[in-house]
C-alpha atoms as a PDB file:
ATOM      1  CA  UNK A   1     100.714 -79.204   1.523  1.00  0.00           C
ATOM      2  CA  UNK A   2      98.316 -79.478   4.458  1.00  0.00           C
ATOM      3  CA  UNK A   3      96.115 -82.042   2.742  1.00  0.00           C
ATOM      4  CA  UNK A   4      99.102 -83.998   1.480  1.00  0.00           C
ATOM      5  CA  UNK A   5     100.442 -84.439   4.992  1.00  0.00           C
ATOM      6  CA  UNK A   6      97.214 -84.737   6.981  1.00  0.00           C
ATOM      7  CA  UNK A   7      95.054 -86.651   4.450  1.00  0.00           C
ATOM      8  CA  UNK A   8      92.002 -85.044   5.999  1.00  0.00           C
ATOM      9  CA  UNK A   9      90.288 -82.170   4.137  1.00  0.00           C
ATOM     10  CA  UNK A  10      88.731 -80.724   7.287  1.00  0.00           C
ATOM     11  CA  UNK A  11      91.984 -80.763   9.262  1.00  0.00           C
ATOM     12  CA  UNK A  12      93.853 -79.313   6.279  1.00  0.00           C
ATOM     13  CA  UNK A  13      91.340 -76.466   5.989  1.00  0.00           C
ATOM     14  CA  UNK A  14      91.602 -75.766   9.718  1.00  0.00           C
ATOM     15  CA  UNK A  15      95.390 -75.722   9.534  1.00  0.00           C
ATOM     16  CA  UNK A  16      95.310 -73.385   6.509  1.00  0.00           C
ATOM     17  CA  UNK A  17      92.933 -71.026   8.314  1.00  0.00           C
ATOM     18  CA  UNK A  18      95.222 -70.967  11.346  1.00  0.00           C
ATOM     19  CA  UNK A  19      98.163 -70.176   9.078  1.00  0.00           C
ATOM     20  CA  UNK A  20      96.353 -67.161   7.638  1.00  0.00           C
ATOM     21  CA  UNK A  21      95.399 -65.958  11.114  1.00  0.00           C
ATOM     22  CA  UNK A  22      99.022 -66.320  12.224  1.00  0.00           C
ATOM     23  CA  UNK A  23     100.131 -64.522   9.067  1.00  0.00           C
ATOM     24  CA  UNK A  24      97.762 -61.650   9.837  1.00  0.00           C
ATOM     25  CA  UNK A  25      98.846 -61.411  13.465  1.00  0.00           C
ATOM     26  CA  UNK A  26     102.585 -61.738  12.746  1.00  0.00           C
ATOM     27  CA  UNK A  27     102.774 -59.713   9.514  1.00  0.00           C
ATOM     28  CA  UNK A  28     104.950 -57.150  11.240  1.00  0.00           C
ATOM     29  CA  UNK A  29     107.638 -59.748  11.927  1.00  0.00           C
ATOM     30  CA  UNK A  30     108.362 -60.365   8.223  1.00  0.00           C
ATOM     31  CA  UNK A  31     111.814 -59.082   7.229  1.00  0.00           C
ATOM     32  CA  UNK A  32     112.381 -58.761   3.454  1.00  0.00           C
ATOM     33  CA  UNK A  33     116.159 -58.763   3.914  1.00  0.00           C
ATOM     34  CA  UNK A  34     115.947 -62.345   5.206  1.00  0.00           C
ATOM     35  CA  UNK A  35     114.271 -63.653   2.063  1.00  0.00           C
ATOM     36  CA  UNK A  36     111.173 -63.566  -0.111  1.00  0.00           C
ATOM     37  CA  UNK A  37     107.724 -63.315   1.470  1.00  0.00           C
ATOM     38  CA  UNK A  38     106.728 -66.609  -0.177  1.00  0.00           C
ATOM     39  CA  UNK A  39     109.457 -68.470   1.720  1.00  0.00           C
ATOM     40  CA  UNK A  40     108.435 -66.899   5.028  1.00  0.00           C
ATOM     41  CA  UNK A  41     104.788 -67.737   4.406  1.00  0.00           C
ATOM     42  CA  UNK A  42     105.578 -71.341   3.445  1.00  0.00           C
ATOM     43  CA  UNK A  43     107.753 -71.672   6.553  1.00  0.00           C
ATOM     44  CA  UNK A  44     104.807 -70.578   8.741  1.00  0.00           C
ATOM     45  CA  UNK A  45     102.481 -72.959   6.906  1.00  0.00           C
ATOM     46  CA  UNK A  46     104.881 -75.891   7.095  1.00  0.00           C
ATOM     47  CA  UNK A  47     105.431 -75.420  10.822  1.00  0.00           C
ATOM     48  CA  UNK A  48     101.677 -75.291  11.500  1.00  0.00           C
ATOM     49  CA  UNK A  49     100.978 -78.400   9.445  1.00  0.00           C
ATOM     50  CA  UNK A  50     103.877 -80.230  11.111  1.00  0.00           C
ATOM     51  CA  UNK A  51     102.458 -79.338  14.532  1.00  0.00           C
ATOM     52  CA  UNK A  52      99.051 -80.721  13.552  1.00  0.00           C
ATOM     53  CA  UNK A  53     100.595 -83.789  11.938  1.00  0.00           C
ATOM     54  CA  UNK A  54     102.639 -84.590  15.040  1.00  0.00           C
ATOM     55  CA  UNK A  55      99.646 -84.052  17.282  1.00  0.00           C
ATOM     56  CA  UNK A  56      97.617 -86.509  15.178  1.00  0.00           C
ATOM     57  CA  UNK A  57     100.271 -89.199  15.072  1.00  0.00           C
ATOM     58  CA  UNK A  58     101.467 -88.954  18.644  1.00  0.00           C
ATOM     59  CA  UNK A  59     102.246 -92.481  19.752  1.00  0.00           C
ATOM     60  CA  UNK A  60     102.274 -93.839  16.182  1.00  0.00           C
ATOM     61  CA  UNK A  61     105.475 -95.192  14.739  1.00  0.00           C
ATOM     62  CA  UNK A  62     106.976 -93.593  11.660  1.00  0.00           C
ATOM     63  CA  UNK A  63     105.993 -95.648   8.615  1.00  0.00           C
ATOM     64  CA  UNK A  64     108.635 -96.876   6.206  1.00  0.00           C
ATOM     65  CA  UNK A  65     109.099 -94.722   3.132  1.00  0.00           C
ATOM     66  CA  UNK A  66     109.387 -96.964   0.111  1.00  0.00           C
ATOM     67  CA  UNK A  67     108.895 -94.676  -2.851  1.00  0.00           C
ATOM     68  CA  UNK A  68     109.093 -90.868  -3.118  1.00  0.00           C
ATOM     69  CA  UNK A  69     106.668 -91.040  -6.073  1.00  0.00           C
ATOM     70  CA  UNK A  70     103.958 -92.395  -3.777  1.00  0.00           C
ATOM     71  CA  UNK A  71     104.678 -89.744  -1.160  1.00  0.00           C
ATOM     72  CA  UNK A  72     104.449 -86.996  -3.793  1.00  0.00           C
ATOM     73  CA  UNK A  73     101.144 -88.357  -5.176  1.00  0.00           C
ATOM     74  CA  UNK A  74      99.444 -87.520  -1.902  1.00  0.00           C
ATOM     75  CA  UNK A  75     100.154 -83.817  -2.414  1.00  0.00           C
ATOM     76  CA  UNK A  76      97.527 -83.411  -5.135  1.00  0.00           C
ATOM     77  CA  UNK A  77      93.829 -83.868  -4.477  1.00  0.00           C
ATOM     78  CA  UNK A  78      91.986 -86.293  -6.778  1.00  0.00           C
ATOM     79  CA  UNK A  79      89.253 -83.664  -7.359  1.00  0.00           C
ATOM     80  CA  UNK A  80      91.390 -81.166  -9.252  1.00  0.00           C
ATOM     81  CA  UNK A  81      90.150 -77.741 -10.255  1.00  0.00           C
ATOM     82  CA  UNK A  82      92.011 -75.488 -12.679  1.00  0.00           C
ATOM     83  CA  UNK A  83      94.008 -74.079  -9.785  1.00  0.00           C
ATOM     84  CA  UNK A  84      94.794 -77.567  -8.505  1.00  0.00           C
ATOM     85  CA  UNK A  85      95.903 -78.568 -11.998  1.00  0.00           C
ATOM     86  CA  UNK A  86      98.424 -75.710 -11.944  1.00  0.00           C
ATOM     87  CA  UNK A  87      99.567 -76.888  -8.528  1.00  0.00           C
ATOM     88  CA  UNK A  88      99.993 -80.387  -9.974  1.00  0.00           C
ATOM     89  CA  UNK A  89     102.441 -78.953 -12.518  1.00  0.00           C
ATOM     90  CA  UNK A  90     104.321 -77.273  -9.657  1.00  0.00           C
ATOM     91  CA  UNK A  91     104.437 -80.545  -7.719  1.00  0.00           C
ATOM     92  CA  UNK A  92     105.582 -82.430 -10.811  1.00  0.00           C
ATOM     93  CA  UNK A  93     108.573 -80.064 -10.996  1.00  0.00           C
ATOM     94  CA  UNK A  94     109.311 -80.708  -7.337  1.00  0.00           C
ATOM     95  CA  UNK A  95     108.903 -84.457  -7.783  1.00  0.00           C
ATOM     96  CA  UNK A  96     111.334 -84.475 -10.714  1.00  0.00           C
ATOM     97  CA  UNK A  97     113.841 -82.452  -8.697  1.00  0.00           C
ATOM     98  CA  UNK A  98     113.479 -84.847  -5.752  1.00  0.00           C
ATOM     99  CA  UNK A  99     114.174 -87.803  -8.030  1.00  0.00           C
ATOM    100  CA  UNK A 100     117.448 -86.143  -9.104  1.00  0.00           C
ATOM    101  CA  UNK A 101     118.725 -86.027  -5.520  1.00  0.00           C
ATOM    102  CA  UNK A 102     120.960 -88.797  -4.188  1.00  0.00           C
ATOM    103  CA  UNK A 103     118.857 -91.454  -2.425  1.00  0.00           C
ATOM    104  CA  UNK A 104     120.115 -90.498   1.065  1.00  0.00           C
ATOM    105  CA  UNK A 105     119.163 -86.846   0.568  1.00  0.00           C
ATOM    106  CA  UNK A 106     115.799 -87.659  -1.025  1.00  0.00           C
ATOM    107  CA  UNK A 107     114.940 -89.921   1.904  1.00  0.00           C
ATOM    108  CA  UNK A 108     115.528 -87.214   4.536  1.00  0.00           C
ATOM    109  CA  UNK A 109     113.559 -84.615   2.532  1.00  0.00           C
ATOM    110  CA  UNK A 110     110.601 -86.989   2.113  1.00  0.00           C
ATOM    111  CA  UNK A 111     110.662 -87.956   5.784  1.00  0.00           C
ATOM    112  CA  UNK A 112     110.947 -84.344   6.972  1.00  0.00           C
ATOM    113  CA  UNK A 113     108.627 -82.500   4.608  1.00  0.00           C
ATOM    114  CA  UNK A 114     106.091 -85.102   3.528  1.00  0.00           C
ATOM    115  CA  UNK A 115     105.900 -87.229   6.652  1.00  0.00           C
ATOM    116  CA  UNK A 116     106.580 -84.525   9.230  1.00  0.00           C
ATOM    117  CA  UNK A 117     109.443 -86.343  10.943  1.00  0.00           C
ATOM    118  CA  UNK A 118     111.846 -84.417  13.141  1.00  0.00           C
ATOM    119  CA  UNK A 119     115.542 -84.624  12.417  1.00  0.00           C
ATOM    120  CA  UNK A 120     115.978 -86.854  15.473  1.00  0.00           C
ATOM    121  CA  UNK A 121     113.184 -89.168  14.275  1.00  0.00           C
ATOM    122  CA  UNK A 122     114.884 -89.379  10.889  1.00  0.00           C
ATOM    123  CA  UNK A 123     118.188 -90.257  12.563  1.00  0.00           C
ATOM    124  CA  UNK A 124     116.473 -92.961  14.626  1.00  0.00           C
ATOM    125  CA  UNK A 125     114.593 -94.299  11.609  1.00  0.00           C
ATOM    126  CA  UNK A 126     117.551 -94.376   9.226  1.00  0.00           C
ATOM    127  CA  UNK A 127     120.208 -95.326  11.775  1.00  0.00           C
ATOM    128  CA  UNK A 128     122.528 -92.461  10.824  1.00  0.00           C
ATOM    129  CA  UNK A 129     123.898 -89.821  13.218  1.00  0.00           C
ATOM    130  CA  UNK A 130     121.825 -86.682  13.771  1.00  0.00           C
ATOM    131  CA  UNK A 131     124.603 -84.500  12.329  1.00  0.00           C
ATOM    132  CA  UNK A 132     124.546 -86.539   9.118  1.00  0.00           C
ATOM    133  CA  UNK A 133     120.782 -86.106   8.844  1.00  0.00           C
ATOM    134  CA  UNK A 134     121.159 -82.341   9.270  1.00  0.00           C
ATOM    135  CA  UNK A 135     123.901 -82.214   6.626  1.00  0.00           C
ATOM    136  CA  UNK A 136     121.915 -84.312   4.148  1.00  0.00           C
ATOM    137  CA  UNK A 137     118.842 -82.166   4.625  1.00  0.00           C
ATOM    138  CA  UNK A 138     120.803 -78.923   4.215  1.00  0.00           C
ATOM    139  CA  UNK A 139     122.587 -80.175   1.085  1.00  0.00           C
ATOM    140  CA  UNK A 140     119.316 -81.449  -0.386  1.00  0.00           C
ATOM    141  CA  UNK A 141     117.585 -78.109   0.184  1.00  0.00           C
ATOM    142  CA  UNK A 142     120.483 -76.253  -1.472  1.00  0.00           C
ATOM    143  CA  UNK A 143     120.303 -78.587  -4.481  1.00  0.00           C
ATOM    144  CA  UNK A 144     116.514 -78.235  -4.703  1.00  0.00           C
ATOM    145  CA  UNK A 145     116.813 -74.450  -4.558  1.00  0.00           C
ATOM    146  CA  UNK A 146     119.322 -74.563  -7.413  1.00  0.00           C
ATOM    147  CA  UNK A 147     117.194 -76.988  -9.453  1.00  0.00           C
ATOM    148  CA  UNK A 148     114.007 -75.006  -8.887  1.00  0.00           C
ATOM    149  CA  UNK A 149     115.091 -71.351  -9.094  1.00  0.00           C
ATOM    150  CA  UNK A 150     111.639 -70.289 -10.321  1.00  0.00           C
ATOM    151  CA  UNK A 151     110.188 -71.536  -7.026  1.00  0.00           C
ATOM    152  CA  UNK A 152     112.892 -70.088  -4.800  1.00  0.00           C
ATOM    153  CA  UNK A 153     112.453 -66.500  -5.973  1.00  0.00           C
ATOM    154  CA  UNK A 154     109.479 -64.368  -5.119  1.00  0.00           C
ATOM    155  CA  UNK A 155     107.734 -63.166  -8.243  1.00  0.00           C
ATOM    156  CA  UNK A 156     107.256 -59.399  -8.374  1.00  0.00           C
END
């Protein structure tokens, strides 16, 4: 995820290391009743990568998203190891699920999670009200959770 958003191996490694440090320091704040550990961990990671992404693109304009396939391609490194190949299968599942979403919902998910846009930036970019962006994102995440139940549940 870090490499896919930052497109810089060194920055992605730094972000990942900071995530693990944060995880270590905040381990006591995890609450199992609020959801699986995997979701909490990915939330921490996503927030850290978003912070780095925004810091790097400060002052840049949000680029037009033309094709979710192209955005998803950036998630997998060209130098795949066995582990990366397994991740590619995971990302293929996610890509297929994204393609099943209505265009409006897919667009907000791609902008938010692959391009690091805030909800307000998405509203400005797409010309729809902020409340509509929030609704589309929420509905898309519910649909993705339902389409990808094996990724939404923590494996025990």
